[in-house]
N, C-alpha and C. Protein backbone atom coordinates (compact mmCIF):
# COMPACT_ATOMS: atom_id res chain seq x y z
N MET A 1 41.56 -13.48 43.20
CA MET A 1 42.90 -13.31 42.66
C MET A 1 42.96 -11.93 42.00
N THR A 2 44.02 -11.20 42.25
CA THR A 2 44.20 -9.88 41.67
C THR A 2 45.49 -9.86 40.86
N PHE A 3 45.38 -9.45 39.59
CA PHE A 3 46.55 -9.30 38.74
C PHE A 3 46.93 -7.82 38.75
N THR A 4 48.21 -7.54 38.92
CA THR A 4 48.66 -6.16 39.02
C THR A 4 49.47 -5.73 37.81
N TYR A 5 49.11 -6.25 36.65
CA TYR A 5 49.82 -5.90 35.43
C TYR A 5 49.00 -4.92 34.61
N LYS A 6 49.66 -4.07 33.88
CA LYS A 6 49.00 -3.12 33.01
C LYS A 6 48.74 -3.77 31.66
N ILE A 7 47.54 -3.62 31.15
CA ILE A 7 47.19 -4.20 29.86
C ILE A 7 47.39 -3.14 28.79
N VAL A 8 48.18 -3.48 27.77
CA VAL A 8 48.42 -2.59 26.64
C VAL A 8 48.24 -3.39 25.35
N SER A 9 47.99 -2.70 24.26
CA SER A 9 47.81 -3.41 22.99
C SER A 9 49.17 -3.84 22.44
N GLY A 10 49.16 -4.90 21.65
CA GLY A 10 50.39 -5.39 21.03
C GLY A 10 50.83 -6.69 21.66
N PRO A 11 51.88 -7.28 21.08
CA PRO A 11 52.36 -8.57 21.59
C PRO A 11 53.08 -8.41 22.92
N ALA A 12 53.08 -9.47 23.70
CA ALA A 12 53.80 -9.48 24.97
C ALA A 12 55.28 -9.66 24.70
N ASP A 13 56.09 -8.75 25.16
CA ASP A 13 57.53 -8.84 24.94
C ASP A 13 58.13 -9.98 25.75
N GLY A 14 58.95 -10.79 25.06
CA GLY A 14 59.69 -11.83 25.75
C GLY A 14 58.90 -13.09 26.05
N LEU A 15 57.63 -13.11 25.78
CA LEU A 15 56.83 -14.30 26.04
C LEU A 15 56.18 -14.77 24.75
N GLU A 16 56.56 -15.97 24.34
CA GLU A 16 56.00 -16.49 23.10
C GLU A 16 54.54 -16.89 23.29
N HIS A 17 54.21 -17.46 24.43
CA HIS A 17 52.85 -17.92 24.69
C HIS A 17 52.36 -17.28 25.99
N TYR A 18 51.97 -16.04 25.88
CA TYR A 18 51.54 -15.29 27.05
C TYR A 18 50.34 -15.95 27.72
N GLY A 19 49.43 -16.49 26.90
CA GLY A 19 48.24 -17.14 27.46
C GLY A 19 48.58 -18.32 28.34
N LEU A 20 49.61 -19.07 27.96
CA LEU A 20 50.03 -20.20 28.80
C LEU A 20 50.60 -19.72 30.13
N GLN A 21 51.35 -18.65 30.07
CA GLN A 21 51.89 -18.09 31.32
C GLN A 21 50.76 -17.62 32.23
N LEU A 22 49.77 -17.00 31.63
CA LEU A 22 48.63 -16.52 32.40
C LEU A 22 47.84 -17.69 32.98
N ALA A 23 47.68 -18.77 32.19
CA ALA A 23 46.98 -19.96 32.68
C ALA A 23 47.71 -20.59 33.87
N ARG A 24 49.03 -20.59 33.81
CA ARG A 24 49.80 -21.12 34.95
C ARG A 24 49.59 -20.26 36.21
N LEU A 25 49.60 -18.94 35.99
CA LEU A 25 49.37 -18.03 37.13
C LEU A 25 47.97 -18.21 37.71
N ALA A 26 47.01 -18.53 36.85
CA ALA A 26 45.63 -18.71 37.30
C ALA A 26 45.44 -20.09 37.93
N ASP A 27 46.49 -20.90 37.92
CA ASP A 27 46.48 -22.23 38.55
C ASP A 27 45.42 -23.14 37.94
N LEU A 28 45.38 -23.16 36.61
CA LEU A 28 44.47 -24.08 35.92
C LEU A 28 44.96 -25.51 36.11
N PRO A 29 44.06 -26.50 35.98
CA PRO A 29 44.47 -27.90 36.17
C PRO A 29 45.62 -28.29 35.24
N LYS A 30 46.46 -29.19 35.73
CA LYS A 30 47.67 -29.59 35.00
C LYS A 30 47.33 -30.20 33.65
N ASP A 31 46.28 -31.01 33.55
CA ASP A 31 45.93 -31.63 32.27
C ASP A 31 45.50 -30.58 31.24
N VAL A 32 44.88 -29.52 31.70
CA VAL A 32 44.50 -28.43 30.79
C VAL A 32 45.76 -27.73 30.28
N LEU A 33 46.71 -27.49 31.18
CA LEU A 33 47.96 -26.83 30.78
C LEU A 33 48.75 -27.69 29.79
N ILE A 34 48.79 -29.00 30.03
CA ILE A 34 49.53 -29.90 29.13
C ILE A 34 48.89 -29.88 27.74
N GLY A 35 47.57 -29.95 27.70
CA GLY A 35 46.87 -29.89 26.41
C GLY A 35 47.11 -28.56 25.70
N ALA A 36 47.09 -27.49 26.45
CA ALA A 36 47.31 -26.16 25.87
C ALA A 36 48.74 -26.02 25.35
N GLU A 37 49.69 -26.59 26.06
CA GLU A 37 51.09 -26.53 25.61
C GLU A 37 51.26 -27.28 24.29
N LYS A 38 50.59 -28.43 24.15
CA LYS A 38 50.66 -29.19 22.91
C LYS A 38 50.07 -28.40 21.75
N VAL A 39 48.92 -27.78 21.98
CA VAL A 39 48.29 -26.98 20.94
C VAL A 39 49.17 -25.78 20.58
N ALA A 40 49.73 -25.13 21.58
CA ALA A 40 50.58 -23.96 21.34
C ALA A 40 51.81 -24.36 20.53
N GLN A 41 52.42 -25.49 20.86
CA GLN A 41 53.59 -25.95 20.12
C GLN A 41 53.24 -26.26 18.67
N HIS A 42 52.10 -26.93 18.48
CA HIS A 42 51.64 -27.24 17.13
C HIS A 42 51.43 -25.96 16.32
N LEU A 43 50.79 -24.99 16.92
CA LEU A 43 50.54 -23.72 16.23
C LEU A 43 51.85 -22.98 15.92
N SER A 44 52.80 -23.03 16.85
CA SER A 44 54.10 -22.40 16.62
C SER A 44 54.84 -23.06 15.48
N ASP A 45 54.83 -24.39 15.46
CA ASP A 45 55.49 -25.13 14.38
C ASP A 45 54.85 -24.81 13.03
N GLU A 46 53.53 -24.79 13.01
CA GLU A 46 52.81 -24.49 11.78
C GLU A 46 53.10 -23.07 11.30
N SER A 47 53.13 -22.14 12.22
CA SER A 47 53.43 -20.75 11.88
C SER A 47 54.84 -20.60 11.32
N ALA A 48 55.80 -21.28 11.94
CA ALA A 48 57.19 -21.20 11.47
C ALA A 48 57.30 -21.78 10.06
N GLN A 49 56.61 -22.88 9.82
CA GLN A 49 56.63 -23.49 8.49
C GLN A 49 56.00 -22.56 7.46
N ASN A 50 54.90 -21.92 7.82
CA ASN A 50 54.26 -20.98 6.90
C ASN A 50 55.14 -19.78 6.62
N ASP A 51 55.84 -19.30 7.67
CA ASP A 51 56.74 -18.15 7.48
C ASP A 51 57.87 -18.51 6.52
N GLU A 52 58.42 -19.72 6.67
CA GLU A 52 59.52 -20.15 5.82
C GLU A 52 59.09 -20.31 4.38
N ASN A 53 57.84 -20.73 4.17
CA ASN A 53 57.33 -20.97 2.83
C ASN A 53 56.61 -19.76 2.24
N SER A 54 56.57 -18.65 2.96
CA SER A 54 55.86 -17.48 2.47
C SER A 54 56.55 -16.90 1.24
N GLU A 55 55.78 -16.20 0.47
CA GLU A 55 56.31 -15.60 -0.75
C GLU A 55 57.41 -14.59 -0.44
N SER A 56 57.25 -13.83 0.63
CA SER A 56 58.29 -12.84 0.99
C SER A 56 59.59 -13.53 1.39
N ALA A 57 59.50 -14.68 2.05
CA ALA A 57 60.71 -15.42 2.42
C ALA A 57 61.40 -15.95 1.17
N LYS A 58 60.61 -16.42 0.21
CA LYS A 58 61.20 -16.91 -1.05
C LYS A 58 61.88 -15.77 -1.80
N VAL A 59 61.24 -14.61 -1.85
CA VAL A 59 61.83 -13.45 -2.52
C VAL A 59 63.13 -13.05 -1.83
N ALA A 60 63.13 -13.07 -0.50
CA ALA A 60 64.34 -12.71 0.25
C ALA A 60 65.48 -13.68 -0.04
N ARG A 61 65.17 -14.98 -0.13
CA ARG A 61 66.21 -15.97 -0.44
C ARG A 61 66.75 -15.76 -1.85
N ARG A 62 65.87 -15.45 -2.81
CA ARG A 62 66.33 -15.20 -4.19
C ARG A 62 67.21 -13.95 -4.24
N ARG A 63 66.79 -12.90 -3.56
CA ARG A 63 67.59 -11.67 -3.54
C ARG A 63 68.97 -11.92 -2.93
N LYS A 64 68.99 -12.68 -1.85
CA LYS A 64 70.26 -12.99 -1.20
C LYS A 64 71.17 -13.76 -2.15
N THR A 65 70.61 -14.70 -2.89
CA THR A 65 71.39 -15.48 -3.85
C THR A 65 71.94 -14.58 -4.96
N VAL A 66 71.11 -13.69 -5.47
CA VAL A 66 71.55 -12.79 -6.54
C VAL A 66 72.64 -11.83 -6.04
N LEU A 67 72.48 -11.32 -4.83
CA LEU A 67 73.51 -10.45 -4.27
C LEU A 67 74.82 -11.19 -4.06
N LYS A 68 74.73 -12.43 -3.62
CA LYS A 68 75.93 -13.25 -3.44
C LYS A 68 76.61 -13.48 -4.79
N LEU A 69 75.82 -13.74 -5.82
CA LEU A 69 76.37 -13.92 -7.17
C LEU A 69 77.06 -12.64 -7.64
N ARG A 70 76.41 -11.51 -7.43
CA ARG A 70 77.00 -10.23 -7.83
C ARG A 70 78.34 -10.01 -7.15
N THR A 71 78.39 -10.25 -5.84
CA THR A 71 79.63 -10.07 -5.09
C THR A 71 80.72 -11.01 -5.59
N THR A 72 80.35 -12.26 -5.83
CA THR A 72 81.32 -13.25 -6.30
C THR A 72 81.86 -12.86 -7.67
N LEU A 73 80.98 -12.43 -8.57
CA LEU A 73 81.43 -12.02 -9.91
C LEU A 73 82.31 -10.78 -9.86
N THR A 74 81.94 -9.82 -9.02
CA THR A 74 82.74 -8.60 -8.89
C THR A 74 84.13 -8.93 -8.37
N GLN A 75 84.19 -9.78 -7.35
CA GLN A 75 85.49 -10.17 -6.80
C GLN A 75 86.32 -10.94 -7.83
N ALA A 76 85.67 -11.81 -8.58
CA ALA A 76 86.39 -12.58 -9.60
C ALA A 76 86.94 -11.65 -10.67
N LEU A 77 86.15 -10.69 -11.10
CA LEU A 77 86.58 -9.75 -12.13
C LEU A 77 87.75 -8.89 -11.65
N GLU A 78 87.65 -8.42 -10.42
CA GLU A 78 88.66 -7.48 -9.92
C GLU A 78 89.94 -8.15 -9.42
N HIS A 79 89.84 -9.43 -8.99
CA HIS A 79 91.00 -10.02 -8.32
C HIS A 79 91.54 -11.30 -8.95
N SER A 80 90.88 -11.81 -9.95
CA SER A 80 91.32 -13.09 -10.52
C SER A 80 92.60 -12.91 -11.32
N ARG A 81 93.50 -13.86 -11.15
CA ARG A 81 94.74 -13.90 -11.92
C ARG A 81 94.79 -15.19 -12.75
N LEU A 82 93.62 -15.83 -12.89
CA LEU A 82 93.55 -17.06 -13.66
C LEU A 82 93.74 -16.78 -15.14
N PRO A 83 94.35 -17.70 -15.86
CA PRO A 83 94.40 -17.58 -17.32
C PRO A 83 92.96 -17.61 -17.87
N ASP A 84 92.76 -17.03 -19.04
CA ASP A 84 91.41 -16.91 -19.60
C ASP A 84 90.66 -18.25 -19.64
N ARG A 85 91.33 -19.29 -20.07
CA ARG A 85 90.67 -20.60 -20.19
C ARG A 85 90.20 -21.10 -18.81
N ASP A 86 91.04 -20.97 -17.79
CA ASP A 86 90.67 -21.38 -16.44
C ASP A 86 89.57 -20.49 -15.86
N PHE A 87 89.65 -19.20 -16.19
CA PHE A 87 88.63 -18.27 -15.71
C PHE A 87 87.26 -18.61 -16.30
N LEU A 88 87.23 -18.98 -17.57
CA LEU A 88 85.97 -19.39 -18.19
C LEU A 88 85.42 -20.66 -17.52
N GLY A 89 86.29 -21.58 -17.17
CA GLY A 89 85.87 -22.78 -16.45
C GLY A 89 85.29 -22.44 -15.08
N TYR A 90 85.94 -21.50 -14.40
CA TYR A 90 85.45 -21.05 -13.10
C TYR A 90 84.06 -20.42 -13.24
N LEU A 91 83.90 -19.55 -14.25
CA LEU A 91 82.61 -18.91 -14.48
C LEU A 91 81.52 -19.93 -14.82
N SER A 92 81.89 -20.93 -15.59
CA SER A 92 80.93 -21.98 -15.94
C SER A 92 80.47 -22.74 -14.70
N ALA A 93 81.41 -23.10 -13.82
CA ALA A 93 81.06 -23.79 -12.58
C ALA A 93 80.22 -22.89 -11.67
N LEU A 94 80.55 -21.62 -11.66
CA LEU A 94 79.80 -20.65 -10.87
C LEU A 94 78.36 -20.53 -11.39
N GLN A 95 78.23 -20.50 -12.71
CA GLN A 95 76.91 -20.43 -13.32
C GLN A 95 76.06 -21.65 -12.91
N GLU A 96 76.65 -22.81 -12.96
CA GLU A 96 75.92 -24.03 -12.60
C GLU A 96 75.50 -24.00 -11.13
N LYS A 97 76.41 -23.57 -10.27
CA LYS A 97 76.13 -23.51 -8.83
C LYS A 97 74.97 -22.57 -8.54
N PHE A 98 75.02 -21.37 -9.10
CA PHE A 98 73.99 -20.39 -8.80
C PHE A 98 72.67 -20.70 -9.50
N THR A 99 72.73 -21.37 -10.65
CA THR A 99 71.50 -21.80 -11.31
C THR A 99 70.77 -22.80 -10.42
N LYS A 100 71.49 -23.74 -9.85
CA LYS A 100 70.89 -24.73 -8.95
C LYS A 100 70.33 -24.06 -7.69
N GLU A 101 71.11 -23.13 -7.17
CA GLU A 101 70.67 -22.44 -5.95
C GLU A 101 69.39 -21.62 -6.19
N LEU A 102 69.35 -20.93 -7.32
CA LEU A 102 68.14 -20.16 -7.64
C LEU A 102 66.96 -21.09 -7.90
N ALA A 103 67.19 -22.18 -8.57
CA ALA A 103 66.10 -23.14 -8.85
C ALA A 103 65.54 -23.69 -7.54
N SER A 104 66.40 -23.96 -6.57
CA SER A 104 65.91 -24.49 -5.30
C SER A 104 65.13 -23.42 -4.54
N ASN A 105 65.46 -22.15 -4.74
CA ASN A 105 64.73 -21.06 -4.09
C ASN A 105 63.39 -20.79 -4.74
N LEU A 106 63.19 -21.24 -5.95
CA LEU A 106 61.93 -21.02 -6.63
C LEU A 106 60.86 -22.02 -6.22
N SER A 107 61.29 -23.15 -5.69
CA SER A 107 60.30 -24.18 -5.31
C SER A 107 59.80 -24.00 -3.90
């Protein structure tokens, strides 16, 4: 069997499991391919879970929440026509909402 592909360093573009594609091309037994697909799926799921729970993902979610709060407060300040008492109620509800959202991003 001769493969006519060029080997370069780095990830394979467009193929999540390049090794599985190569195994299919090499005509490995079906039971081997099925087992490999299960392992690959498990590893992909585990990797996605780790990415979601990573510290950088948590920081990104907190930053997004803070930026959303900043935008909401700026818009409220510049465009609100609520009476002072109602505006304070709005700000209080906003504070509760964003406090909960930030707390959920910390866990």
